[in-house]
Amino acid sequence: MGRLFVQKLEGRVYSCRFCHAHLANFDDLISKSFHCRHGKAYLFNSVVNIGVGPKEERLMTTGLHTVADIHCNNCLQIVGWKYEEAFEKSQKYKEGKYILERAKMVDDESERDQLMSSDPDDS
């Protein structure tokens, strides 16, 4: 199968909740105004350490799109999807962009907040 190469990002990053492999840089975040089955989702210009599944058409709240699920290359968990094609003119900006589900990722700041709130000296 070969050796797994996991790319490390610099600065503030979003990582896989399951294995902590880096997925996206904060600078590539376009919008936090998206939703998925599990709650909030974020739109990114680019992501790393992912594999892209087969394309399929899905009817979403914003219309019909051709999308492909994306999974973490390290642990193989599905973490979101890639917009391959949007059929409505107003949705074309999504083409080639990626959605990461908030419930399936962590970021540097949320991890720091959790560590600080679980401080055993706070009794």
PDB file of N, CA and C in Angstrom:
ATOM      1  N   MET A   1       0.827  -1.190   0.000  1.00  0.00           N
ATOM      2  CA  MET A   1       0.000   0.000   0.000  1.00  0.00           C
ATOM      3  C   MET A   1       0.866   1.247   0.000  1.00  0.00           C
ATOM      4  N   GLY A   2       1.985   1.220   0.656  1.00  0.00           N
ATOM      5  CA  GLY A   2       2.853   2.394   0.665  1.00  0.00           C
ATOM      6  C   GLY A   2       2.752   3.176   1.953  1.00  0.00           C
ATOM      7  N   ARG A   3       3.619   4.138   2.048  1.00  0.00           N
ATOM      8  CA  ARG A   3       3.695   4.973   3.237  1.00  0.00           C
ATOM      9  C   ARG A   3       2.701   6.123   3.153  1.00  0.00           C
ATOM     10  N   LEU A   4       2.006   6.406   4.241  1.00  0.00           N
ATOM     11  CA  LEU A   4       1.029   7.486   4.292  1.00  0.00           C
ATOM     12  C   LEU A   4       1.745   8.811   4.502  1.00  0.00           C
ATOM     13  N   PHE A   5       1.502   9.771   3.618  1.00  0.00           N
ATOM     14  CA  PHE A   5       2.078  11.102   3.739  1.00  0.00           C
ATOM     15  C   PHE A   5       0.996  12.036   4.238  1.00  0.00           C
ATOM     16  N   VAL A   6       1.199  12.653   5.392  1.00  0.00           N
ATOM     17  CA  VAL A   6       0.241  13.587   5.965  1.00  0.00           C
ATOM     18  C   VAL A   6       0.875  14.971   5.965  1.00  0.00           C
ATOM     19  N   GLN A   7       0.240  15.899   5.275  1.00  0.00           N
ATOM     20  CA  GLN A   7       0.762  17.266   5.167  1.00  0.00           C
ATOM     21  C   GLN A   7       0.446  18.048   6.439  1.00  0.00           C
ATOM     22  N   LYS A   8       1.431  18.764   6.942  1.00  0.00           N
ATOM     23  CA  LYS A   8       1.268  19.631   8.113  1.00  0.00           C
ATOM     24  C   LYS A   8       1.117  21.071   7.638  1.00  0.00           C
ATOM     25  N   LEU A   9       0.170  21.785   8.213  1.00  0.00           N
ATOM     26  CA  LEU A   9      -0.062  23.180   7.858  1.00  0.00           C
ATOM     27  C   LEU A   9       0.488  24.096   8.936  1.00  0.00           C
ATOM     28  N   GLU A  10       0.815  25.309   8.562  1.00  0.00           N
ATOM     29  CA  GLU A  10       1.315  26.319   9.497  1.00  0.00           C
ATOM     30  C   GLU A  10       0.179  27.241   9.911  1.00  0.00           C
ATOM     31  N   GLY A  11       0.312  27.880  11.062  1.00  0.00           N
ATOM     32  CA  GLY A  11      -0.683  28.844  11.533  1.00  0.00           C
ATOM     33  C   GLY A  11      -1.876  28.158  12.164  1.00  0.00           C
ATOM     34  N   ARG A  12      -2.995  28.851  12.173  1.00  0.00           N
ATOM     35  CA  ARG A  12      -4.222  28.300  12.743  1.00  0.00           C
ATOM     36  C   ARG A  12      -4.820  27.300  11.759  1.00  0.00           C
ATOM     37  N   VAL A  13      -5.057  26.079  12.229  1.00  0.00           N
ATOM     38  CA  VAL A  13      -5.544  25.020  11.353  1.00  0.00           C
ATOM     39  C   VAL A  13      -6.784  24.350  11.932  1.00  0.00           C
ATOM     40  N   TYR A  14      -7.539  23.767  11.039  1.00  0.00           N
ATOM     41  CA  TYR A  14      -8.656  22.889  11.398  1.00  0.00           C
ATOM     42  C   TYR A  14      -8.177  21.466  11.152  1.00  0.00           C
ATOM     43  N   SER A  15      -8.446  20.573  12.118  1.00  0.00           N
ATOM     44  CA  SER A  15      -7.955  19.199  12.059  1.00  0.00           C
ATOM     45  C   SER A  15      -9.106  18.216  12.181  1.00  0.00           C
ATOM     46  N   CYS A  16      -8.854  16.995  11.764  1.00  0.00           N
ATOM     47  CA  CYS A  16      -9.825  15.914  11.901  1.00  0.00           C
ATOM     48  C   CYS A  16     -10.072  15.660  13.388  1.00  0.00           C
ATOM     49  N   ARG A  17     -11.329  15.617  13.787  1.00  0.00           N
ATOM     50  CA  ARG A  17     -11.679  15.367  15.186  1.00  0.00           C
ATOM     51  C   ARG A  17     -11.239  13.971  15.634  1.00  0.00           C
ATOM     52  N   PHE A  18     -11.167  13.030  14.710  1.00  0.00           N
ATOM     53  CA  PHE A  18     -10.909  11.638  15.059  1.00  0.00           C
ATOM     54  C   PHE A  18      -9.425  11.310  15.194  1.00  0.00           C
ATOM     55  N   CYS A  19      -8.578  11.903  14.318  1.00  0.00           N
ATOM     56  CA  CYS A  19      -7.150  11.547  14.353  1.00  0.00           C
ATOM     57  C   CYS A  19      -6.234  12.770  14.414  1.00  0.00           C
ATOM     58  N   HIS A  20      -6.794  13.963  14.343  1.00  0.00           N
ATOM     59  CA  HIS A  20      -6.075  15.240  14.434  1.00  0.00           C
ATOM     60  C   HIS A  20      -5.141  15.534  13.251  1.00  0.00           C
ATOM     61  N   ALA A  21      -5.341  14.847  12.135  1.00  0.00           N
ATOM     62  CA  ALA A  21      -4.598  15.209  10.919  1.00  0.00           C
ATOM     63  C   ALA A  21      -5.090  16.578  10.462  1.00  0.00           C
ATOM     64  N   HIS A  22      -4.197  17.428  10.009  1.00  0.00           N
ATOM     65  CA  HIS A  22      -4.585  18.747   9.508  1.00  0.00           C
ATOM     66  C   HIS A  22      -5.471  18.595   8.275  1.00  0.00           C
ATOM     67  N   LEU A  23      -6.531  19.448   8.217  1.00  0.00           N
ATOM     68  CA  LEU A  23      -7.442  19.426   7.076  1.00  0.00           C
ATOM     69  C   LEU A  23      -7.460  20.734   6.302  1.00  0.00           C
ATOM     70  N   ALA A  24      -7.419  21.861   7.015  1.00  0.00           N
ATOM     71  CA  ALA A  24      -7.522  23.148   6.325  1.00  0.00           C
ATOM     72  C   ALA A  24      -6.888  24.243   7.160  1.00  0.00           C
ATOM     73  N   ASN A  25      -6.430  25.270   6.472  1.00  0.00           N
ATOM     74  CA  ASN A  25      -5.878  26.447   7.121  1.00  0.00           C
ATOM     75  C   ASN A  25      -6.991  27.472   7.315  1.00  0.00           C
ATOM     76  N   PHE A  26      -6.957  28.189   8.409  1.00  0.00           N
ATOM     77  CA  PHE A  26      -7.959  29.215   8.696  1.00  0.00           C
ATOM     78  C   PHE A  26      -8.053  30.232   7.559  1.00  0.00           C
ATOM     79  N   ASP A  27      -6.954  30.535   6.921  1.00  0.00           N
ATOM     80  CA  ASP A  27      -6.930  31.514   5.831  1.00  0.00           C
ATOM     81  C   ASP A  27      -7.720  31.066   4.608  1.00  0.00           C
ATOM     82  N   ASP A  28      -7.995  29.771   4.479  1.00  0.00           N
ATOM     83  CA  ASP A  28      -8.762  29.258   3.342  1.00  0.00           C
ATOM     84  C   ASP A  28     -10.261  29.179   3.626  1.00  0.00           C
ATOM     85  N   LEU A  29     -10.679  29.596   4.816  1.00  0.00           N
ATOM     86  CA  LEU A  29     -12.095  29.595   5.194  1.00  0.00           C
ATOM     87  C   LEU A  29     -12.838  30.692   4.431  1.00  0.00           C
ATOM     88  N   ILE A  30     -13.922  30.314   3.765  1.00  0.00           N
ATOM     89  CA  ILE A  30     -14.747  31.265   3.027  1.00  0.00           C
ATOM     90  C   ILE A  30     -15.967  31.669   3.842  1.00  0.00           C
ATOM     91  N   SER A  31     -16.641  30.668   4.442  1.00  0.00           N
ATOM     92  CA  SER A  31     -17.895  30.955   5.145  1.00  0.00           C
ATOM     93  C   SER A  31     -18.188  29.917   6.221  1.00  0.00           C
ATOM     94  N   LYS A  32     -18.780  30.388   7.316  1.00  0.00           N
ATOM     95  CA  LYS A  32     -19.248  29.514   8.383  1.00  0.00           C
ATOM     96  C   LYS A  32     -20.772  29.385   8.348  1.00  0.00           C
ATOM     97  N   SER A  33     -21.400  29.820   7.276  1.00  0.00           N
ATOM     98  CA  SER A  33     -22.863  29.891   7.177  1.00  0.00           C
ATOM     99  C   SER A  33     -23.489  28.700   6.463  1.00  0.00           C
ATOM    100  N   PHE A  34     -22.887  27.544   6.560  1.00  0.00           N
ATOM    101  CA  PHE A  34     -23.416  26.355   5.898  1.00  0.00           C
ATOM    102  C   PHE A  34     -23.924  25.368   6.935  1.00  0.00           C
ATOM    103  N   HIS A  35     -24.788  24.460   6.475  1.00  0.00           N
ATOM    104  CA  HIS A  35     -25.382  23.459   7.365  1.00  0.00           C
ATOM    105  C   HIS A  35     -25.313  22.096   6.706  1.00  0.00           C
ATOM    106  N   CYS A  36     -25.275  21.070   7.555  1.00  0.00           N
ATOM    107  CA  CYS A  36     -25.258  19.691   7.083  1.00  0.00           C
ATOM    108  C   CYS A  36     -26.127  18.858   8.014  1.00  0.00           C
ATOM    109  N   ARG A  37     -26.150  17.567   7.789  1.00  0.00           N
ATOM    110  CA  ARG A  37     -26.966  16.678   8.636  1.00  0.00           C
ATOM    111  C   ARG A  37     -26.613  16.785  10.119  1.00  0.00           C
ATOM    112  N   HIS A  38     -25.350  17.032  10.415  1.00  0.00           N
ATOM    113  CA  HIS A  38     -24.876  17.028  11.803  1.00  0.00           C
ATOM    114  C   HIS A  38     -24.765  18.420  12.406  1.00  0.00           C
ATOM    115  N   GLY A  39     -25.296  19.429  11.729  1.00  0.00           N
ATOM    116  CA  GLY A  39     -25.225  20.793  12.256  1.00  0.00           C
ATOM    117  C   GLY A  39     -24.480  21.729  11.334  1.00  0.00           C
ATOM    118  N   LYS A  40     -23.593  22.511  11.924  1.00  0.00           N
ATOM    119  CA  LYS A  40     -22.864  23.525  11.166  1.00  0.00           C
ATOM    120  C   LYS A  40     -21.811  22.906  10.247  1.00  0.00           C
ATOM    121  N   ALA A  41     -21.516  23.656   9.175  1.00  0.00           N
ATOM    122  CA  ALA A  41     -20.479  23.251   8.231  1.00  0.00           C
ATOM    123  C   ALA A  41     -19.809  24.507   7.704  1.00  0.00           C
ATOM    124  N   TYR A  42     -18.533  24.380   7.335  1.00  0.00           N
ATOM    125  CA  TYR A  42     -17.746  25.515   6.863  1.00  0.00           C
ATOM    126  C   TYR A  42     -17.317  25.282   5.418  1.00  0.00           C
ATOM    127  N   LEU A  43     -17.322  26.350   4.622  1.00  0.00           N
ATOM    128  CA  LEU A  43     -16.890  26.291   3.231  1.00  0.00           C
ATOM    129  C   LEU A  43     -15.439  26.766   3.129  1.00  0.00           C
ATOM    130  N   PHE A  44     -14.603  25.976   2.451  1.00  0.00           N
ATOM    131  CA  PHE A  44     -13.179  26.277   2.298  1.00  0.00           C
ATOM    132  C   PHE A  44     -12.783  26.318   0.827  1.00  0.00           C
ATOM    133  N   ASN A  45     -11.784  27.155   0.525  1.00  0.00           N
ATOM    134  CA  ASN A  45     -11.187  27.187  -0.811  1.00  0.00           C
ATOM    135  C   ASN A  45     -10.415  25.916  -1.097  1.00  0.00           C
ATOM    136  N   SER A  46      -9.659  25.440  -0.111  1.00  0.00           N
ATOM    137  CA  SER A  46      -8.847  24.250  -0.303  1.00  0.00           C
ATOM    138  C   SER A  46      -8.698  23.494   1.008  1.00  0.00           C
ATOM    139  N   VAL A  47      -8.439  22.205   0.895  1.00  0.00           N
ATOM    140  CA  VAL A  47      -8.214  21.333   2.043  1.00  0.00           C
ATOM    141  C   VAL A  47      -7.051  20.403   1.711  1.00  0.00           C
ATOM    142  N   VAL A  48      -6.489  19.764   2.720  1.00  0.00           N
ATOM    143  CA  VAL A  48      -5.381  18.825   2.536  1.00  0.00           C
ATOM    144  C   VAL A  48      -5.702  17.523   3.247  1.00  0.00           C
ATOM    145  N   ASN A  49      -4.918  16.518   2.953  1.00  0.00           N
ATOM    146  CA  ASN A  49      -5.018  15.213   3.618  1.00  0.00           C
ATOM    147  C   ASN A  49      -6.401  14.581   3.481  1.00  0.00           C
ATOM    148  N   ILE A  50      -7.008  14.753   2.311  1.00  0.00           N
ATOM    149  CA  ILE A  50      -8.332  14.165   2.087  1.00  0.00           C
ATOM    150  C   ILE A  50      -8.319  13.329   0.819  1.00  0.00           C
ATOM    151  N   GLY A  51      -9.260  12.408   0.758  1.00  0.00           N
ATOM    152  CA  GLY A  51      -9.533  11.636  -0.439  1.00  0.00           C
ATOM    153  C   GLY A  51     -10.932  11.991  -0.903  1.00  0.00           C
ATOM    154  N   VAL A  52     -11.151  11.943  -2.202  1.00  0.00           N
ATOM    155  CA  VAL A  52     -12.440  12.314  -2.774  1.00  0.00           C
ATOM    156  C   VAL A  52     -13.127  11.059  -3.292  1.00  0.00           C
ATOM    157  N   GLY A  53     -14.389  10.881  -2.866  1.00  0.00           N
ATOM    158  CA  GLY A  53     -15.176   9.732  -3.289  1.00  0.00           C
ATOM    159  C   GLY A  53     -15.836   9.960  -4.640  1.00  0.00           C
ATOM    160  N   PRO A  54     -16.722   9.049  -5.021  1.00  0.00           N
ATOM    161  CA  PRO A  54     -17.402   9.172  -6.310  1.00  0.00           C
ATOM    162  C   PRO A  54     -18.383  10.345  -6.329  1.00  0.00           C
ATOM    163  N   LYS A  55     -18.556  10.913  -7.503  1.00  0.00           N
ATOM    164  CA  LYS A  55     -19.493  12.029  -7.677  1.00  0.00           C
ATOM    165  C   LYS A  55     -20.926  11.505  -7.655  1.00  0.00           C
ATOM    166  N   GLU A  56     -21.819  12.326  -7.093  1.00  0.00           N
ATOM    167  CA  GLU A  56     -23.246  12.000  -7.115  1.00  0.00           C
ATOM    168  C   GLU A  56     -24.050  13.285  -7.072  1.00  0.00           C
ATOM    169  N   GLU A  57     -25.233  13.249  -7.620  1.00  0.00           N
ATOM    170  CA  GLU A  57     -26.110  14.411  -7.580  1.00  0.00           C
ATOM    171  C   GLU A  57     -26.907  14.380  -6.282  1.00  0.00           C
ATOM    172  N   ARG A  58     -26.965  15.537  -5.609  1.00  0.00           N
ATOM    173  CA  ARG A  58     -27.738  15.660  -4.366  1.00  0.00           C
ATOM    174  C   ARG A  58     -28.589  16.908  -4.437  1.00  0.00           C
ATOM    175  N   LEU A  59     -29.831  16.757  -4.012  1.00  0.00           N
ATOM    176  CA  LEU A  59     -30.711  17.901  -3.902  1.00  0.00           C
ATOM    177  C   LEU A  59     -30.517  18.482  -2.513  1.00  0.00           C
ATOM    178  N   MET A  60     -29.986  19.685  -2.445  1.00  0.00           N
ATOM    179  CA  MET A  60     -29.713  20.354  -1.172  1.00  0.00           C
ATOM    180  C   MET A  60     -30.661  21.537  -1.029  1.00  0.00           C
ATOM    181  N   THR A  61     -30.602  22.202   0.099  1.00  0.00           N
ATOM    182  CA  THR A  61     -31.508  23.336   0.328  1.00  0.00           C
ATOM    183  C   THR A  61     -31.305  24.450  -0.685  1.00  0.00           C
ATOM    184  N   THR A  62     -30.114  24.529  -1.287  1.00  0.00           N
ATOM    185  CA  THR A  62     -29.837  25.578  -2.272  1.00  0.00           C
ATOM    186  C   THR A  62     -29.956  25.076  -3.707  1.00  0.00           C
ATOM    187  N   GLY A  63     -30.506  23.887  -3.893  1.00  0.00           N
ATOM    188  CA  GLY A  63     -30.704  23.358  -5.241  1.00  0.00           C
ATOM    189  C   GLY A  63     -29.904  22.093  -5.493  1.00  0.00           C
ATOM    190  N   LEU A  64     -29.934  21.667  -6.753  1.00  0.00           N
ATOM    191  CA  LEU A  64     -29.252  20.450  -7.155  1.00  0.00           C
ATOM    192  C   LEU A  64     -27.760  20.721  -7.376  1.00  0.00           C
ATOM    193  N   HIS A  65     -26.923  19.831  -6.815  1.00  0.00           N
ATOM    194  CA  HIS A  65     -25.469  19.948  -6.959  1.00  0.00           C
ATOM    195  C   HIS A  65     -24.895  18.563  -7.257  1.00  0.00           C
ATOM    196  N   THR A  66     -23.787  18.541  -7.975  1.00  0.00           N
ATOM    197  CA  THR A  66     -22.992  17.319  -8.080  1.00  0.00           C
ATOM    198  C   THR A  66     -21.886  17.465  -7.044  1.00  0.00           C
ATOM    199  N   VAL A  67     -21.826  16.499  -6.112  1.00  0.00           N
ATOM    200  CA  VAL A  67     -20.863  16.558  -5.017  1.00  0.00           C
ATOM    201  C   VAL A  67     -20.152  15.217  -4.889  1.00  0.00           C
ATOM    202  N   ALA A  68     -19.066  15.225  -4.154  1.00  0.00           N
ATOM    203  CA  ALA A  68     -18.338  14.001  -3.826  1.00  0.00           C
ATOM    204  C   ALA A  68     -17.943  14.081  -2.355  1.00  0.00           C
ATOM    205  N   ASP A  69     -18.262  13.038  -1.605  1.00  0.00           N
ATOM    206  CA  ASP A  69     -17.849  13.008  -0.198  1.00  0.00           C
ATOM    207  C   ASP A  69     -16.334  13.043  -0.114  1.00  0.00           C
ATOM    208  N   ILE A  70     -15.819  13.681   0.940  1.00  0.00           N
ATOM    209  CA  ILE A  70     -14.382  13.687   1.185  1.00  0.00           C
ATOM    210  C   ILE A  70     -14.117  13.016   2.529  1.00  0.00           C
ATOM    211  N   HIS A  71     -13.033  12.277   2.588  1.00  0.00           N
ATOM    212  CA  HIS A  71     -12.662  11.591   3.826  1.00  0.00           C
ATOM    213  C   HIS A  71     -11.226  11.934   4.203  1.00  0.00           C
ATOM    214  N   CYS A  72     -10.950  11.859   5.476  1.00  0.00           N
ATOM    215  CA  CYS A  72      -9.596  12.060   5.994  1.00  0.00           C
ATOM    216  C   CYS A  72      -8.719  10.908   5.493  1.00  0.00           C
ATOM    217  N   ASN A  73      -7.584  11.235   4.891  1.00  0.00           N
ATOM    218  CA  ASN A  73      -6.671  10.194   4.402  1.00  0.00           C
ATOM    219  C   ASN A  73      -6.042   9.387   5.526  1.00  0.00           C
ATOM    220  N   ASN A  74      -5.967   9.962   6.705  1.00  0.00           N
ATOM    221  CA  ASN A  74      -5.304   9.299   7.824  1.00  0.00           C
ATOM    222  C   ASN A  74      -6.194   8.242   8.476  1.00  0.00           C
ATOM    223  N   CYS A  75      -7.471   8.614   8.777  1.00  0.00           N
ATOM    224  CA  CYS A  75      -8.356   7.682   9.496  1.00  0.00           C
ATOM    225  C   CYS A  75      -9.557   7.226   8.673  1.00  0.00           C
ATOM    226  N   LEU A  76      -9.730   7.774   7.476  1.00  0.00           N
ATOM    227  CA  LEU A  76     -10.779   7.401   6.524  1.00  0.00           C
ATOM    228  C   LEU A  76     -12.199   7.811   6.934  1.00  0.00           C
ATOM    229  N   GLN A  77     -12.340   8.643   7.953  1.00  0.00           N
ATOM    230  CA  GLN A  77     -13.656   9.151   8.341  1.00  0.00           C
ATOM    231  C   GLN A  77     -14.126  10.187   7.325  1.00  0.00           C
ATOM    232  N   ILE A  78     -15.403  10.144   6.944  1.00  0.00           N
ATOM    233  CA  ILE A  78     -15.961  11.176   6.079  1.00  0.00           C
ATOM    234  C   ILE A  78     -16.042  12.467   6.888  1.00  0.00           C
ATOM    235  N   VAL A  79     -15.484  13.541   6.333  1.00  0.00           N
ATOM    236  CA  VAL A  79     -15.429  14.823   7.042  1.00  0.00           C
ATOM    237  C   VAL A  79     -16.199  15.927   6.327  1.00  0.00           C
ATOM    238  N   GLY A  80     -16.741  15.644   5.141  1.00  0.00           N
ATOM    239  CA  GLY A  80     -17.491  16.652   4.407  1.00  0.00           C
ATOM    240  C   GLY A  80     -17.678  16.251   2.962  1.00  0.00           C
ATOM    241  N   TRP A  81     -17.720  17.253   2.075  1.00  0.00           N
ATOM    242  CA  TRP A  81     -17.875  16.979   0.648  1.00  0.00           C
ATOM    243  C   TRP A  81     -17.259  18.085  -0.189  1.00  0.00           C
ATOM    244  N   LYS A  82     -17.083  17.762  -1.463  1.00  0.00           N
ATOM    245  CA  LYS A  82     -16.566  18.724  -2.434  1.00  0.00           C
ATOM    246  C   LYS A  82     -17.684  19.037  -3.417  1.00  0.00           C
ATOM    247  N   TYR A  83     -17.871  20.320  -3.698  1.00  0.00           N
ATOM    248  CA  TYR A  83     -18.826  20.726  -4.720  1.00  0.00           C
ATOM    249  C   TYR A  83     -18.159  20.587  -6.079  1.00  0.00           C
ATOM    250  N   GLU A  84     -18.645  19.685  -6.895  1.00  0.00           N
ATOM    251  CA  GLU A  84     -18.107  19.497  -8.241  1.00  0.00           C
ATOM    252  C   GLU A  84     -18.825  20.390  -9.248  1.00  0.00           C
ATOM    253  N   GLU A  85     -20.171  20.472  -9.132  1.00  0.00           N
ATOM    254  CA  GLU A  85     -20.948  21.276 -10.070  1.00  0.00           C
ATOM    255  C   GLU A  85     -22.206  21.785  -9.392  1.00  0.00           C
ATOM    256  N   ALA A  86     -22.546  23.011  -9.676  1.00  0.00           N
ATOM    257  CA  ALA A  86     -23.800  23.614  -9.209  1.00  0.00           C
ATOM    258  C   ALA A  86     -24.644  23.903 -10.444  1.00  0.00           C
ATOM    259  N   PHE A  87     -25.912  23.565 -10.387  1.00  0.00           N
ATOM    260  CA  PHE A  87     -26.761  23.717 -11.560  1.00  0.00           C
ATOM    261  C   PHE A  87     -27.463  25.065 -11.614  1.00  0.00           C
ATOM    262  N   GLU A  88     -27.549  25.752 -10.490  1.00  0.00           N
ATOM    263  CA  GLU A  88     -28.159  27.078 -10.474  1.00  0.00           C
ATOM    264  C   GLU A  88     -27.067  28.137 -10.560  1.00  0.00           C
ATOM    265  N   LYS A  89     -27.326  29.152 -11.365  1.00  0.00           N
ATOM    266  CA  LYS A  89     -26.336  30.197 -11.611  1.00  0.00           C
ATOM    267  C   LYS A  89     -25.840  30.847 -10.320  1.00  0.00           C
ATOM    268  N   SER A  90     -26.734  31.080  -9.367  1.00  0.00           N
ATOM    269  CA  SER A  90     -26.364  31.745  -8.113  1.00  0.00           C
ATOM    270  C   SER A  90     -25.475  30.892  -7.214  1.00  0.00           C
ATOM    271  N   GLN A  91     -25.356  29.609  -7.522  1.00  0.00           N
ATOM    272  CA  GLN A  91     -24.573  28.690  -6.690  1.00  0.00           C
ATOM    273  C   GLN A  91     -23.238  28.294  -7.323  1.00  0.00           C
ATOM    274  N   LYS A  92     -22.923  28.835  -8.476  1.00  0.00           N
ATOM    275  CA  LYS A  92     -21.698  28.473  -9.199  1.00  0.00           C
ATOM    276  C   LYS A  92     -20.425  28.765  -8.400  1.00  0.00           C
ATOM    277  N   TYR A  93     -20.474  29.738  -7.484  1.00  0.00           N
ATOM    278  CA  TYR A  93     -19.282  30.080  -6.686  1.00  0.00           C
ATOM    279  C   TYR A  93     -18.798  28.913  -5.835  1.00  0.00           C
ATOM    280  N   LYS A  94     -19.643  27.911  -5.599  1.00  0.00           N
ATOM    281  CA  LYS A  94     -19.282  26.762  -4.765  1.00  0.00           C
ATOM    282  C   LYS A  94     -18.448  25.726  -5.517  1.00  0.00           C
ATOM    283  N   GLU A  95     -18.471  25.760  -6.831  1.00  0.00           N
ATOM    284  CA  GLU A  95     -17.786  24.738  -7.611  1.00  0.00           C
ATOM    285  C   GLU A  95     -16.291  24.710  -7.291  1.00  0.00           C
ATOM    286  N   GLY A  96     -15.793  23.495  -7.032  1.00  0.00           N
ATOM    287  CA  GLY A  96     -14.385  23.321  -6.700  1.00  0.00           C
ATOM    288  C   GLY A  96     -14.050  23.619  -5.244  1.00  0.00           C
ATOM    289  N   LYS A  97     -15.050  24.006  -4.454  1.00  0.00           N
ATOM    290  CA  LYS A  97     -14.843  24.330  -3.035  1.00  0.00           C
ATOM    291  C   LYS A  97     -15.202  23.116  -2.176  1.00  0.00           C
ATOM    292  N   TYR A  98     -14.841  23.190  -0.898  1.00  0.00           N
ATOM    293  CA  TYR A  98     -15.002  22.070   0.017  1.00  0.00           C
ATOM    294  C   TYR A  98     -15.815  22.464   1.245  1.00  0.00           C
ATOM    295  N   ILE A  99     -16.644  21.542   1.699  1.00  0.00           N
ATOM    296  CA  ILE A  99     -17.366  21.689   2.959  1.00  0.00           C
ATOM    297  C   ILE A  99     -16.736  20.747   3.974  1.00  0.00           C
ATOM    298  N   LEU A 100     -16.401  21.275   5.147  1.00  0.00           N
ATOM    299  CA  LEU A 100     -16.000  20.447   6.284  1.00  0.00           C
ATOM    300  C   LEU A 100     -17.077  20.580   7.337  1.00  0.00           C
ATOM    301  N   GLU A 101     -17.567  19.449   7.824  1.00  0.00           N
ATOM    302  CA  GLU A 101     -18.599  19.450   8.854  1.00  0.00           C
ATOM    303  C   GLU A 101     -17.965  19.811  10.196  1.00  0.00           C
ATOM    304  N   ARG A 102     -18.566  20.782  10.879  1.00  0.00           N
ATOM    305  CA  ARG A 102     -18.008  21.280  12.144  1.00  0.00           C
ATOM    306  C   ARG A 102     -17.885  20.168  13.181  1.00  0.00           C
ATOM    307  N   ALA A 103     -18.844  19.257  13.206  1.00  0.00           N
ATOM    308  CA  ALA A 103     -18.830  18.170  14.188  1.00  0.00           C
ATOM    309  C   ALA A 103     -17.697  17.182  13.954  1.00  0.00           C
ATOM    310  N   LYS A 104     -17.063  17.253  12.791  1.00  0.00           N
ATOM    311  CA  LYS A 104     -16.019  16.293  12.455  1.00  0.00           C
ATOM    312  C   LYS A 104     -14.633  16.919  12.399  1.00  0.00           C
ATOM    313  N   MET A 105     -14.525  18.155  12.896  1.00  0.00           N
ATOM    314  CA  MET A 105     -13.211  18.808  12.923  1.00  0.00           C
ATOM    315  C   MET A 105     -13.044  19.596  14.214  1.00  0.00           C
ATOM    316  N   VAL A 106     -11.804  19.891  14.522  1.00  0.00           N
ATOM    317  CA  VAL A 106     -11.456  20.732  15.668  1.00  0.00           C
ATOM    318  C   VAL A 106     -10.499  21.798  15.164  1.00  0.00           C
ATOM    319  N   ASP A 107     -10.432  22.913  15.903  1.00  0.00           N
ATOM    320  CA  ASP A 107      -9.461  23.941  15.546  1.00  0.00           C
ATOM    321  C   ASP A 107      -8.610  24.250  16.760  1.00  0.00           C
ATOM    322  N   ASP A 108      -7.501  24.944  16.534  1.00  0.00           N
ATOM    323  CA  ASP A 108      -6.546  25.255  17.602  1.00  0.00           C
ATOM    324  C   ASP A 108      -7.210  25.937  18.780  1.00  0.00           C
ATOM    325  N   GLU A 109      -8.062  26.924  18.512  1.00  0.00           N
ATOM    326  CA  GLU A 109      -8.678  27.694  19.591  1.00  0.00           C
ATOM    327  C   GLU A 109      -9.654  26.859  20.408  1.00  0.00           C
ATOM    328  N   SER A 110     -10.470  26.024  19.780  1.00  0.00           N
ATOM    329  CA  SER A 110     -11.432  25.220  20.534  1.00  0.00           C
ATOM    330  C   SER A 110     -10.713  24.205  21.415  1.00  0.00           C
ATOM    331  N   GLU A 111      -9.588  23.661  20.928  1.00  0.00           N
ATOM    332  CA  GLU A 111      -8.819  22.726  21.740  1.00  0.00           C
ATOM    333  C   GLU A 111      -8.204  23.433  22.953  1.00  0.00           C
ATOM    334  N   ARG A 112      -7.682  24.648  22.752  1.00  0.00           N
ATOM    335  CA  ARG A 112      -7.118  25.410  23.879  1.00  0.00           C
ATOM    336  C   ARG A 112      -8.193  25.719  24.906  1.00  0.00           C
ATOM    337  N   ASP A 113      -9.392  26.121  24.434  1.00  0.00           N
ATOM    338  CA  ASP A 113     -10.494  26.433  25.338  1.00  0.00           C
ATOM    339  C   ASP A 113     -10.894  25.209  26.161  1.00  0.00           C
ATOM    340  N   GLN A 114     -10.935  24.038  25.510  1.00  0.00           N
ATOM    341  CA  GLN A 114     -11.296  22.818  26.222  1.00  0.00           C
ATOM    342  C   GLN A 114     -10.250  22.461  27.263  1.00  0.00           C
ATOM    343  N   LEU A 115      -8.981  22.612  26.928  1.00  0.00           N
ATOM    344  CA  LEU A 115      -7.920  22.309  27.874  1.00  0.00           C
ATOM    345  C   LEU A 115      -7.983  23.238  29.081  1.00  0.00           C
ATOM    346  N   MET A 116      -8.239  24.513  28.832  1.00  0.00           N
ATOM    347  CA  MET A 116      -8.284  25.477  29.920  1.00  0.00           C
ATOM    348  C   MET A 116      -9.516  25.257  30.799  1.00  0.00           C
ATOM    349  N   SER A 117     -10.654  24.865  30.217  1.00  0.00           N
ATOM    350  CA  SER A 117     -11.865  24.663  31.008  1.00  0.00           C
ATOM    351  C   SER A 117     -11.819  23.353  31.794  1.00  0.00           C
ATOM    352  N   SER A 118     -10.938  22.421  31.414  1.00  0.00           N
ATOM    353  CA  SER A 118     -10.843  21.172  32.147  1.00  0.00           C
ATOM    354  C   SER A 118      -9.661  21.146  33.098  1.00  0.00           C
ATOM    355  N   ASP A 119      -9.164  22.323  33.471  1.00  0.00           N
ATOM    356  CA  ASP A 119      -8.025  22.452  34.383  1.00  0.00           C
ATOM    357  C   ASP A 119      -8.395  21.874  35.755  1.00  0.00           C
ATOM    358  N   PRO A 120      -7.678  20.848  36.245  1.00  0.00           N
ATOM    359  CA  PRO A 120      -8.004  20.229  37.527  1.00  0.00           C
ATOM    360  C   PRO A 120      -7.828  21.172  38.717  1.00  0.00           C
ATOM    361  N   ASP A 121      -7.121  22.279  38.546  1.00  0.00           N
ATOM    362  CA  ASP A 121      -6.922  23.225  39.648  1.00  0.00           C
ATOM    363  C   ASP A 121      -8.116  24.140  39.849  1.00  0.00           C
ATOM    364  N   ASP A 122      -9.155  23.998  39.029  1.00  0.00           N
ATOM    365  CA  ASP A 122     -10.324  24.861  39.119  1.00  0.00           C
ATOM    366  C   ASP A 122     -11.335  24.404  40.167  1.00  0.00           C
ATOM    367  N   SER A 123     -11.002  23.453  41.024  1.00  0.00           N
ATOM    368  CA  SER A 123     -11.980  22.933  41.977  1.00  0.00           C
ATOM    369  C   SER A 123     -12.322  23.910  43.065  1.00  0.00           C
TER     370      SER A 123
END
